[in-house]
Amino acid sequence: MTTSPRTISTLLTYSGALPFWLLAFAPSTALGFQTATVFLSYGAVIASFMAGALWGSAQSGRGDLVVIIASNVLALVAFATLVAGPLPIALLVQLLLFALLLVADHRVHAGETARQWYWKLRVRVTVLVALAYCVMLFRYAL
């Protein structure tokens, strides 16, 4: 039995969202780590990974100058959330970052009817991740 790249991509994408939810409902401190810090760090890594994917898309001819610049700026913003500002602000910035990454992905892949499944997947997973951020904001900002 052969597994298709589409199946693997879908599995990995949903698997990548799972830690957000596990951390959103974990105790404030787990295994000696502050859950909010781990959540924020994981978010920065995933956002940077996604920004890198945009860079790769632009290098393969799918993006333009805006996408190239955005990929770098978004990765730097992800890093900045780890070193600047109070936790609720960092969470809000990362939430906005994931929304901007979705917009950038749409810009890169708009019109690719063969990859419509990917766009639907990206929207669903971005919503799942955004909801996890809302849980964290509720826990730590209120």
C-alpha atoms as a PDB file:
ATOM      1  CA  MET A   1       0.000   0.000   0.000  1.00  0.00           C
ATOM      2  CA  THR A   2       1.377   3.389  -1.004  1.00  0.00           C
ATOM      3  CA  THR A   3       0.544   6.550   0.877  1.00  0.00           C
ATOM      4  CA  SER A   4       0.060   9.655  -1.252  1.00  0.00           C
ATOM      5  CA  PRO A   5       1.851  12.936  -0.576  1.00  0.00           C
ATOM      6  CA  ARG A   6      -1.586  14.504  -0.083  1.00  0.00           C
ATOM      7  CA  THR A   7      -2.408  12.031   2.702  1.00  0.00           C
ATOM      8  CA  ILE A   8       0.960  12.565   4.392  1.00  0.00           C
ATOM      9  CA  SER A   9       0.610  16.356   4.089  1.00  0.00           C
ATOM     10  CA  THR A  10      -2.840  16.248   5.641  1.00  0.00           C
ATOM     11  CA  LEU A  11      -1.686  14.014   8.486  1.00  0.00           C
ATOM     12  CA  LEU A  12       1.358  16.170   9.224  1.00  0.00           C
ATOM     13  CA  THR A  13      -0.643  19.388   9.064  1.00  0.00           C
ATOM     14  CA  TYR A  14      -3.209  18.202  11.600  1.00  0.00           C
ATOM     15  CA  SER A  15      -0.441  16.680  13.721  1.00  0.00           C
ATOM     16  CA  GLY A  16       1.259  20.072  13.753  1.00  0.00           C
ATOM     17  CA  ALA A  17      -1.875  21.658  15.211  1.00  0.00           C
ATOM     18  CA  LEU A  18      -2.214  19.067  17.975  1.00  0.00           C
ATOM     19  CA  PRO A  19       0.508  20.486  20.290  1.00  0.00           C
ATOM     20  CA  PHE A  20      -1.284  23.843  20.339  1.00  0.00           C
ATOM     21  CA  TRP A  21      -4.334  22.129  21.814  1.00  0.00           C
ATOM     22  CA  LEU A  22      -2.369  19.913  24.187  1.00  0.00           C
ATOM     23  CA  LEU A  23      -0.576  22.977  25.547  1.00  0.00           C
ATOM     24  CA  ALA A  24      -3.749  25.083  25.681  1.00  0.00           C
ATOM     25  CA  PHE A  25      -5.237  22.633  28.171  1.00  0.00           C
ATOM     26  CA  ALA A  26      -2.070  21.599  29.986  1.00  0.00           C
ATOM     27  CA  PRO A  27      -1.404  22.772  33.543  1.00  0.00           C
ATOM     28  CA  SER A  28       0.369  26.142  33.831  1.00  0.00           C
ATOM     29  CA  THR A  29       3.588  24.296  34.606  1.00  0.00           C
ATOM     30  CA  ALA A  30       4.350  20.900  33.120  1.00  0.00           C
ATOM     31  CA  LEU A  31       7.592  18.957  33.445  1.00  0.00           C
ATOM     32  CA  GLY A  32       9.249  22.051  34.887  1.00  0.00           C
ATOM     33  CA  PHE A  33       8.306  24.282  31.946  1.00  0.00           C
ATOM     34  CA  GLN A  34       5.862  27.171  31.826  1.00  0.00           C
ATOM     35  CA  THR A  35       3.147  26.014  29.431  1.00  0.00           C
ATOM     36  CA  ALA A  36       2.567  29.495  28.024  1.00  0.00           C
ATOM     37  CA  THR A  37       6.262  29.850  27.155  1.00  0.00           C
ATOM     38  CA  VAL A  38       6.303  26.468  25.424  1.00  0.00           C
ATOM     39  CA  PHE A  39       3.093  27.366  23.530  1.00  0.00           C
ATOM     40  CA  LEU A  40       4.599  30.649  22.375  1.00  0.00           C
ATOM     41  CA  SER A  41       7.882  28.981  21.410  1.00  0.00           C
ATOM     42  CA  TYR A  42       6.096  26.283  19.439  1.00  0.00           C
ATOM     43  CA  GLY A  43       4.021  28.945  17.689  1.00  0.00           C
ATOM     44  CA  ALA A  44       7.180  30.841  16.718  1.00  0.00           C
ATOM     45  CA  VAL A  45       8.770  27.683  15.319  1.00  0.00           C
ATOM     46  CA  ILE A  46       5.695  26.745  13.287  1.00  0.00           C
ATOM     47  CA  ALA A  47       5.215  30.306  12.009  1.00  0.00           C
ATOM     48  CA  SER A  48       8.892  30.445  10.992  1.00  0.00           C
ATOM     49  CA  PHE A  49       8.568  27.086   9.250  1.00  0.00           C
ATOM     50  CA  MET A  50       5.552  28.349   7.333  1.00  0.00           C
ATOM     51  CA  ALA A  51       7.383  31.575   6.424  1.00  0.00           C
ATOM     52  CA  GLY A  52      10.222  29.415   5.114  1.00  0.00           C
ATOM     53  CA  ALA A  53       7.738  27.485   2.989  1.00  0.00           C
ATOM     54  CA  LEU A  54       6.626  30.814   1.498  1.00  0.00           C
ATOM     55  CA  TRP A  55      10.259  31.630   0.737  1.00  0.00           C
ATOM     56  CA  GLY A  56      10.617  28.278  -1.028  1.00  0.00           C
ATOM     57  CA  SER A  57       7.448  28.864  -3.032  1.00  0.00           C
ATOM     58  CA  ALA A  58       8.704  32.269  -4.126  1.00  0.00           C
ATOM     59  CA  GLN A  59      12.051  30.805  -5.154  1.00  0.00           C
ATOM     60  CA  SER A  60      10.298  28.211  -7.311  1.00  0.00           C
ATOM     61  CA  GLY A  61       8.489  30.947  -9.219  1.00  0.00           C
ATOM     62  CA  ARG A  62       5.118  30.871  -7.452  1.00  0.00           C
ATOM     63  CA  GLY A  63       5.569  34.108  -5.510  1.00  0.00           C
ATOM     64  CA  ASP A  64       6.589  37.647  -6.211  1.00  0.00           C
ATOM     65  CA  LEU A  65       8.722  40.247  -4.457  1.00  0.00           C
ATOM     66  CA  VAL A  66       5.991  40.858  -1.869  1.00  0.00           C
ATOM     67  CA  VAL A  67       6.008  37.184  -0.892  1.00  0.00           C
ATOM     68  CA  ILE A  68       9.803  37.099  -0.626  1.00  0.00           C
ATOM     69  CA  ILE A  69       9.853  40.133   1.656  1.00  0.00           C
ATOM     70  CA  ALA A  70       6.835  38.938   3.639  1.00  0.00           C
ATOM     71  CA  SER A  71       8.430  35.551   4.284  1.00  0.00           C
ATOM     72  CA  ASN A  72      11.415  37.238   5.924  1.00  0.00           C
ATOM     73  CA  VAL A  73       9.420  39.823   7.866  1.00  0.00           C
ATOM     74  CA  LEU A  74       6.977  37.217   9.183  1.00  0.00           C
ATOM     75  CA  ALA A  75       9.814  34.961  10.367  1.00  0.00           C
ATOM     76  CA  LEU A  76      11.423  37.905  12.181  1.00  0.00           C
ATOM     77  CA  VAL A  77       8.114  38.852  13.788  1.00  0.00           C
ATOM     78  CA  ALA A  78       7.745  35.252  15.000  1.00  0.00           C
ATOM     79  CA  PHE A  79      11.154  35.534  16.664  1.00  0.00           C
ATOM     80  CA  ALA A  80      10.303  38.938  18.130  1.00  0.00           C
ATOM     81  CA  THR A  81       7.286  37.478  19.927  1.00  0.00           C
ATOM     82  CA  LEU A  82       9.721  35.407  21.998  1.00  0.00           C
ATOM     83  CA  VAL A  83      11.768  38.330  23.233  1.00  0.00           C
ATOM     84  CA  ALA A  84       9.463  41.337  23.358  1.00  0.00           C
ATOM     85  CA  GLY A  85       6.294  42.288  25.133  1.00  0.00           C
ATOM     86  CA  PRO A  86       4.049  40.700  27.706  1.00  0.00           C
ATOM     87  CA  LEU A  87       2.527  37.286  27.046  1.00  0.00           C
ATOM     88  CA  PRO A  88      -0.969  38.437  25.952  1.00  0.00           C
ATOM     89  CA  ILE A  89       0.538  40.799  23.373  1.00  0.00           C
ATOM     90  CA  ALA A  90       2.870  38.081  22.084  1.00  0.00           C
ATOM     91  CA  LEU A  91      -0.069  35.678  21.762  1.00  0.00           C
ATOM     92  CA  LEU A  92      -2.106  38.267  19.859  1.00  0.00           C
ATOM     93  CA  VAL A  93       0.790  39.028  17.529  1.00  0.00           C
ATOM     94  CA  GLN A  94       1.287  35.335  16.792  1.00  0.00           C
ATOM     95  CA  LEU A  95      -2.426  34.909  16.162  1.00  0.00           C
ATOM     96  CA  LEU A  96      -2.254  37.758  13.660  1.00  0.00           C
ATOM     97  CA  LEU A  97       0.892  36.207  12.211  1.00  0.00           C
ATOM     98  CA  PHE A  98      -0.921  32.957  11.426  1.00  0.00           C
ATOM     99  CA  ALA A  99      -3.690  34.933   9.720  1.00  0.00           C
ATOM    100  CA  LEU A 100      -1.111  36.801   7.619  1.00  0.00           C
ATOM    101  CA  LEU A 101       0.590  33.533   6.695  1.00  0.00           C
ATOM    102  CA  LEU A 102      -2.759  32.227   5.466  1.00  0.00           C
ATOM    103  CA  VAL A 103      -3.259  35.360   3.348  1.00  0.00           C
ATOM    104  CA  ALA A 104       0.266  35.009   1.932  1.00  0.00           C
ATOM    105  CA  ASP A 105      -0.353  31.339   1.135  1.00  0.00           C
ATOM    106  CA  HIS A 106      -3.504  32.324  -0.709  1.00  0.00           C
ATOM    107  CA  ARG A 107      -1.553  34.895  -2.700  1.00  0.00           C
ATOM    108  CA  VAL A 108       1.004  32.265  -3.688  1.00  0.00           C
ATOM    109  CA  HIS A 109      -1.440  29.473  -4.529  1.00  0.00           C
ATOM    110  CA  ALA A 110      -4.472  31.381  -5.855  1.00  0.00           C
ATOM    111  CA  GLY A 111      -5.701  29.863  -9.060  1.00  0.00           C
ATOM    112  CA  GLU A 112      -4.100  26.447  -8.524  1.00  0.00           C
ATOM    113  CA  THR A 113      -7.250  24.380  -8.895  1.00  0.00           C
ATOM    114  CA  ALA A 114      -5.303  21.125  -8.556  1.00  0.00           C
ATOM    115  CA  ARG A 115      -4.314  22.160  -5.030  1.00  0.00           C
ATOM    116  CA  GLN A 116      -7.743  23.318  -3.869  1.00  0.00           C
ATOM    117  CA  TRP A 117      -7.619  20.564  -1.228  1.00  0.00           C
ATOM    118  CA  TYR A 118      -4.517  22.215   0.243  1.00  0.00           C
ATOM    119  CA  TRP A 119      -6.215  25.595   0.560  1.00  0.00           C
ATOM    120  CA  LYS A 120      -9.185  24.033   2.357  1.00  0.00           C
ATOM    121  CA  LEU A 121      -6.788  22.186   4.675  1.00  0.00           C
ATOM    122  CA  ARG A 122      -4.860  25.390   5.429  1.00  0.00           C
ATOM    123  CA  VAL A 123      -8.053  27.267   6.288  1.00  0.00           C
ATOM    124  CA  ARG A 124      -9.330  24.485   8.574  1.00  0.00           C
ATOM    125  CA  VAL A 125      -6.037  24.095  10.417  1.00  0.00           C
ATOM    126  CA  THR A 126      -5.530  27.852  10.746  1.00  0.00           C
ATOM    127  CA  VAL A 127      -8.963  28.108  12.358  1.00  0.00           C
ATOM    128  CA  LEU A 128      -8.098  25.236  14.734  1.00  0.00           C
ATOM    129  CA  VAL A 129      -4.837  26.905  15.705  1.00  0.00           C
ATOM    130  CA  ALA A 130      -6.520  30.304  16.084  1.00  0.00           C
ATOM    131  CA  LEU A 131      -9.041  28.765  18.480  1.00  0.00           C
ATOM    132  CA  ALA A 132      -6.188  27.333  20.566  1.00  0.00           C
ATOM    133  CA  TYR A 133      -4.715  30.835  20.719  1.00  0.00           C
ATOM    134  CA  CYS A 134      -8.089  32.130  21.921  1.00  0.00           C
ATOM    135  CA  VAL A 135      -8.047  29.551  24.727  1.00  0.00           C
ATOM    136  CA  MET A 136      -4.545  30.683  25.723  1.00  0.00           C
ATOM    137  CA  LEU A 137      -5.571  34.330  25.610  1.00  0.00           C
ATOM    138  CA  PHE A 138      -8.559  33.555  27.810  1.00  0.00           C
ATOM    139  CA  ARG A 139      -6.312  31.683  30.259  1.00  0.00           C
ATOM    140  CA  TYR A 140      -3.523  34.233  30.482  1.00  0.00           C
ATOM    141  CA  ALA A 141      -5.025  37.591  29.565  1.00  0.00           C
ATOM    142  CA  LEU A 142      -8.201  37.609  31.629  1.00  0.00           C
END
